Amino acid sequence: MKLWFVYILRCADDTLYTGISVDVGRRVDEHNAGNPPGARYTSGRRPVVLVYVETAENRSVAQRREREIKALDRDDKLALIRATV
């Protein structure tokens, strides 16, 4: 069984981007490289820095948690990030 991860990136313009992946390190590199498969959102906001990661047991759980995090306001996202530091 493959673990999935939900992650939050801090972009150069101080915005936050949330995504999912099975390989967070590779995914962050893709975001910073700027070529597809990096996200359109991060392409103009590089460099990005990984600030939060949590595990999920499968893709479905990861996608559900990603939606939950994306629904949070910025202050709640920052509180989530601070809670793990």
N, C-alpha and C. Protein backbone atom coordinates (compact mmCIF):
# COMPACT_ATOMS: atom_id res chain seq x y z
N MET A 1 0.83 -1.18 0.00
CA MET A 1 0.00 0.00 0.00
C MET A 1 0.89 1.25 0.00
N LYS A 2 0.57 2.17 -0.89
CA LYS A 2 1.35 3.38 -1.07
C LYS A 2 0.78 4.49 -0.19
N LEU A 3 1.65 5.15 0.57
CA LEU A 3 1.23 6.30 1.36
C LEU A 3 1.12 7.53 0.48
N TRP A 4 0.14 8.35 0.76
CA TRP A 4 -0.03 9.64 0.10
C TRP A 4 0.27 10.72 1.12
N PHE A 5 0.61 11.89 0.63
CA PHE A 5 0.93 13.02 1.48
C PHE A 5 0.14 14.24 1.04
N VAL A 6 -0.27 15.03 2.02
CA VAL A 6 -0.88 16.33 1.78
C VAL A 6 0.19 17.33 2.21
N TYR A 7 0.44 18.34 1.38
CA TYR A 7 1.51 19.28 1.70
C TYR A 7 1.06 20.71 1.46
N ILE A 8 1.76 21.62 2.14
CA ILE A 8 1.54 23.05 1.93
C ILE A 8 2.89 23.67 1.58
N LEU A 9 2.88 24.50 0.54
CA LEU A 9 4.06 25.24 0.12
C LEU A 9 3.85 26.72 0.42
N ARG A 10 4.92 27.39 0.81
CA ARG A 10 4.90 28.85 0.89
C ARG A 10 5.59 29.36 -0.36
N CYS A 11 4.88 30.15 -1.12
CA CYS A 11 5.40 30.69 -2.38
C CYS A 11 6.21 31.96 -2.12
N ALA A 12 6.98 32.38 -3.10
CA ALA A 12 7.82 33.57 -2.98
C ALA A 12 7.00 34.82 -2.67
N ASP A 13 5.75 34.87 -3.10
CA ASP A 13 4.89 36.03 -2.81
C ASP A 13 4.14 35.88 -1.48
N ASP A 14 4.55 34.89 -0.66
CA ASP A 14 4.01 34.61 0.66
C ASP A 14 2.60 34.01 0.64
N THR A 15 2.13 33.56 -0.53
CA THR A 15 0.86 32.84 -0.57
C THR A 15 1.13 31.38 -0.24
N LEU A 16 0.06 30.65 0.04
CA LEU A 16 0.18 29.23 0.40
C LEU A 16 -0.51 28.39 -0.67
N TYR A 17 0.12 27.28 -1.01
CA TYR A 17 -0.41 26.34 -2.00
C TYR A 17 -0.52 24.98 -1.35
N THR A 18 -1.64 24.30 -1.50
CA THR A 18 -1.85 22.98 -0.93
C THR A 18 -1.99 21.95 -2.04
N GLY A 19 -1.34 20.81 -1.88
CA GLY A 19 -1.44 19.75 -2.87
C GLY A 19 -1.26 18.38 -2.25
N ILE A 20 -1.32 17.35 -3.09
CA ILE A 20 -1.10 15.97 -2.64
C ILE A 20 -0.09 15.30 -3.56
N SER A 21 0.59 14.29 -3.03
CA SER A 21 1.58 13.55 -3.82
C SER A 21 1.98 12.29 -3.08
N VAL A 22 2.57 11.35 -3.81
CA VAL A 22 3.17 10.18 -3.17
C VAL A 22 4.67 10.42 -2.92
N ASP A 23 5.23 11.45 -3.56
CA ASP A 23 6.64 11.80 -3.39
C ASP A 23 6.75 13.32 -3.28
N VAL A 24 6.71 13.81 -2.06
CA VAL A 24 6.67 15.25 -1.82
C VAL A 24 7.95 15.93 -2.31
N GLY A 25 9.09 15.34 -2.06
CA GLY A 25 10.35 15.94 -2.50
C GLY A 25 10.39 16.15 -4.01
N ARG A 26 9.98 15.13 -4.76
CA ARG A 26 9.94 15.25 -6.21
C ARG A 26 8.94 16.32 -6.63
N ARG A 27 7.81 16.34 -5.95
CA ARG A 27 6.76 17.30 -6.31
C ARG A 27 7.20 18.74 -6.07
N VAL A 28 7.89 18.98 -4.95
CA VAL A 28 8.41 20.33 -4.68
C VAL A 28 9.42 20.72 -5.75
N ASP A 29 10.28 19.78 -6.14
CA ASP A 29 11.24 20.05 -7.22
C ASP A 29 10.51 20.41 -8.51
N GLU A 30 9.41 19.70 -8.81
CA GLU A 30 8.63 20.01 -10.01
C GLU A 30 8.02 21.41 -9.94
N HIS A 31 7.51 21.77 -8.78
CA HIS A 31 6.96 23.12 -8.61
C HIS A 31 8.05 24.17 -8.84
N ASN A 32 9.23 23.93 -8.31
CA ASN A 32 10.31 24.91 -8.44
C ASN A 32 10.91 24.93 -9.84
N ALA A 33 10.85 23.81 -10.56
CA ALA A 33 11.39 23.76 -11.92
C ALA A 33 10.52 24.56 -12.88
N GLY A 34 9.24 24.59 -12.61
CA GLY A 34 8.33 25.41 -13.40
C GLY A 34 7.87 24.80 -14.71
N ASN A 35 8.40 23.67 -15.08
CA ASN A 35 7.92 23.04 -16.30
C ASN A 35 6.79 22.09 -15.94
N PRO A 36 5.91 21.79 -16.89
CA PRO A 36 4.84 20.85 -16.54
C PRO A 36 5.48 19.58 -16.01
N PRO A 37 5.15 19.04 -15.01
CA PRO A 37 3.92 18.90 -14.24
C PRO A 37 3.82 19.82 -13.02
N GLY A 38 4.60 20.90 -12.93
CA GLY A 38 4.40 21.84 -11.83
C GLY A 38 3.05 22.52 -11.98
N ALA A 39 2.48 22.95 -10.89
CA ALA A 39 1.16 23.57 -10.93
C ALA A 39 1.23 24.96 -11.56
N ARG A 40 0.20 25.31 -12.28
CA ARG A 40 0.11 26.64 -12.91
C ARG A 40 0.21 27.73 -11.84
N TYR A 41 -0.43 27.51 -10.69
CA TYR A 41 -0.43 28.51 -9.63
C TYR A 41 0.98 28.86 -9.18
N THR A 42 1.83 27.86 -9.01
CA THR A 42 3.18 28.12 -8.47
C THR A 42 4.16 28.58 -9.53
N SER A 43 3.82 28.45 -10.80
CA SER A 43 4.80 28.75 -11.85
C SER A 43 5.28 30.20 -11.81
N GLY A 44 4.44 31.13 -11.44
CA GLY A 44 4.85 32.52 -11.36
C GLY A 44 5.18 32.97 -9.96
N ARG A 45 5.27 32.02 -9.03
CA ARG A 45 5.49 32.35 -7.63
C ARG A 45 6.67 31.61 -7.03
N ARG A 46 7.64 31.29 -7.86
CA ARG A 46 8.81 30.55 -7.40
C ARG A 46 9.84 31.50 -6.79
N PRO A 47 10.69 30.97 -5.91
CA PRO A 47 10.72 29.59 -5.45
C PRO A 47 9.66 29.31 -4.39
N VAL A 48 9.33 28.03 -4.26
CA VAL A 48 8.40 27.59 -3.22
C VAL A 48 9.18 26.81 -2.18
N VAL A 49 8.67 26.84 -0.95
CA VAL A 49 9.31 26.15 0.17
C VAL A 49 8.27 25.27 0.85
N LEU A 50 8.62 24.04 1.11
CA LEU A 50 7.73 23.12 1.81
C LEU A 50 7.64 23.54 3.27
N VAL A 51 6.40 23.77 3.76
CA VAL A 51 6.22 24.21 5.15
C VAL A 51 5.35 23.27 5.97
N TYR A 52 4.71 22.30 5.32
CA TYR A 52 3.82 21.40 6.05
C TYR A 52 3.60 20.12 5.26
N VAL A 53 3.61 18.98 5.97
CA VAL A 53 3.32 17.68 5.35
C VAL A 53 2.55 16.83 6.36
N GLU A 54 1.56 16.11 5.87
CA GLU A 54 0.91 15.09 6.69
C GLU A 54 0.65 13.88 5.80
N THR A 55 0.58 12.71 6.40
CA THR A 55 0.36 11.48 5.64
C THR A 55 -1.12 11.16 5.55
N ALA A 56 -1.44 10.40 4.50
CA ALA A 56 -2.80 9.90 4.30
C ALA A 56 -2.68 8.46 3.83
N GLU A 57 -3.63 7.64 4.21
CA GLU A 57 -3.52 6.21 3.92
C GLU A 57 -3.75 5.87 2.45
N ASN A 58 -4.45 6.74 1.71
CA ASN A 58 -4.66 6.50 0.29
C ASN A 58 -5.01 7.82 -0.41
N ARG A 59 -5.15 7.76 -1.72
CA ARG A 59 -5.40 8.97 -2.49
C ARG A 59 -6.72 9.64 -2.10
N SER A 60 -7.75 8.85 -1.88
CA SER A 60 -9.05 9.39 -1.53
C SER A 60 -9.00 10.20 -0.24
N VAL A 61 -8.34 9.66 0.77
CA VAL A 61 -8.20 10.35 2.05
C VAL A 61 -7.37 11.62 1.87
N ALA A 62 -6.31 11.53 1.06
CA ALA A 62 -5.46 12.70 0.80
C ALA A 62 -6.26 13.81 0.11
N GLN A 63 -7.07 13.45 -0.87
CA GLN A 63 -7.86 14.45 -1.59
C GLN A 63 -8.90 15.10 -0.67
N ARG A 64 -9.49 14.30 0.18
CA ARG A 64 -10.47 14.83 1.13
C ARG A 64 -9.81 15.83 2.07
N ARG A 65 -8.63 15.46 2.58
CA ARG A 65 -7.91 16.36 3.51
C ARG A 65 -7.42 17.61 2.77
N GLU A 66 -7.00 17.46 1.53
CA GLU A 66 -6.58 18.62 0.73
C GLU A 66 -7.74 19.62 0.61
N ARG A 67 -8.92 19.14 0.33
CA ARG A 67 -10.10 20.01 0.24
C ARG A 67 -10.38 20.71 1.57
N GLU A 68 -10.24 19.96 2.68
CA GLU A 68 -10.45 20.55 4.00
C GLU A 68 -9.47 21.69 4.25
N ILE A 69 -8.20 21.44 3.94
CA ILE A 69 -7.17 22.47 4.17
C ILE A 69 -7.41 23.67 3.26
N LYS A 70 -7.74 23.42 2.01
CA LYS A 70 -7.98 24.53 1.08
C LYS A 70 -9.16 25.39 1.52
N ALA A 71 -10.10 24.81 2.25
CA ALA A 71 -11.28 25.55 2.73
C ALA A 71 -10.95 26.43 3.94
N LEU A 72 -9.81 26.18 4.58
CA LEU A 72 -9.42 26.99 5.74
C LEU A 72 -9.03 28.40 5.30
N ASP A 73 -9.20 29.37 6.18
CA ASP A 73 -8.68 30.69 5.85
C ASP A 73 -7.17 30.71 6.14
N ARG A 74 -6.52 31.75 5.70
CA ARG A 74 -5.07 31.83 5.81
C ARG A 74 -4.59 31.69 7.25
N ASP A 75 -5.25 32.36 8.20
CA ASP A 75 -4.83 32.28 9.60
C ASP A 75 -4.90 30.86 10.13
N ASP A 76 -5.93 30.13 9.75
CA ASP A 76 -6.05 28.73 10.19
C ASP A 76 -4.97 27.86 9.55
N LYS A 77 -4.64 28.12 8.30
CA LYS A 77 -3.55 27.38 7.65
C LYS A 77 -2.23 27.66 8.35
N LEU A 78 -1.98 28.92 8.68
CA LEU A 78 -0.74 29.27 9.38
C LEU A 78 -0.70 28.63 10.75
N ALA A 79 -1.83 28.54 11.43
CA ALA A 79 -1.88 27.88 12.74
C ALA A 79 -1.56 26.38 12.59
N LEU A 80 -2.07 25.77 11.54
CA LEU A 80 -1.78 24.36 11.26
C LEU A 80 -0.29 24.17 11.03
N ILE A 81 0.31 25.06 10.28
CA ILE A 81 1.75 24.98 10.00
C ILE A 81 2.54 25.16 11.30
N ARG A 82 2.18 26.16 12.09
CA ARG A 82 2.89 26.42 13.35
C ARG A 82 2.77 25.25 14.33
N ALA A 83 1.65 24.56 14.30
CA ALA A 83 1.42 23.44 15.23
C ALA A 83 2.38 22.28 14.98
N THR A 84 2.96 22.21 13.80
CA THR A 84 3.85 21.10 13.47
C THR A 84 5.32 21.46 13.63
N VAL A 85 5.61 22.70 13.89
CA VAL A 85 7.01 23.15 13.99
C VAL A 85 7.54 22.92 15.37
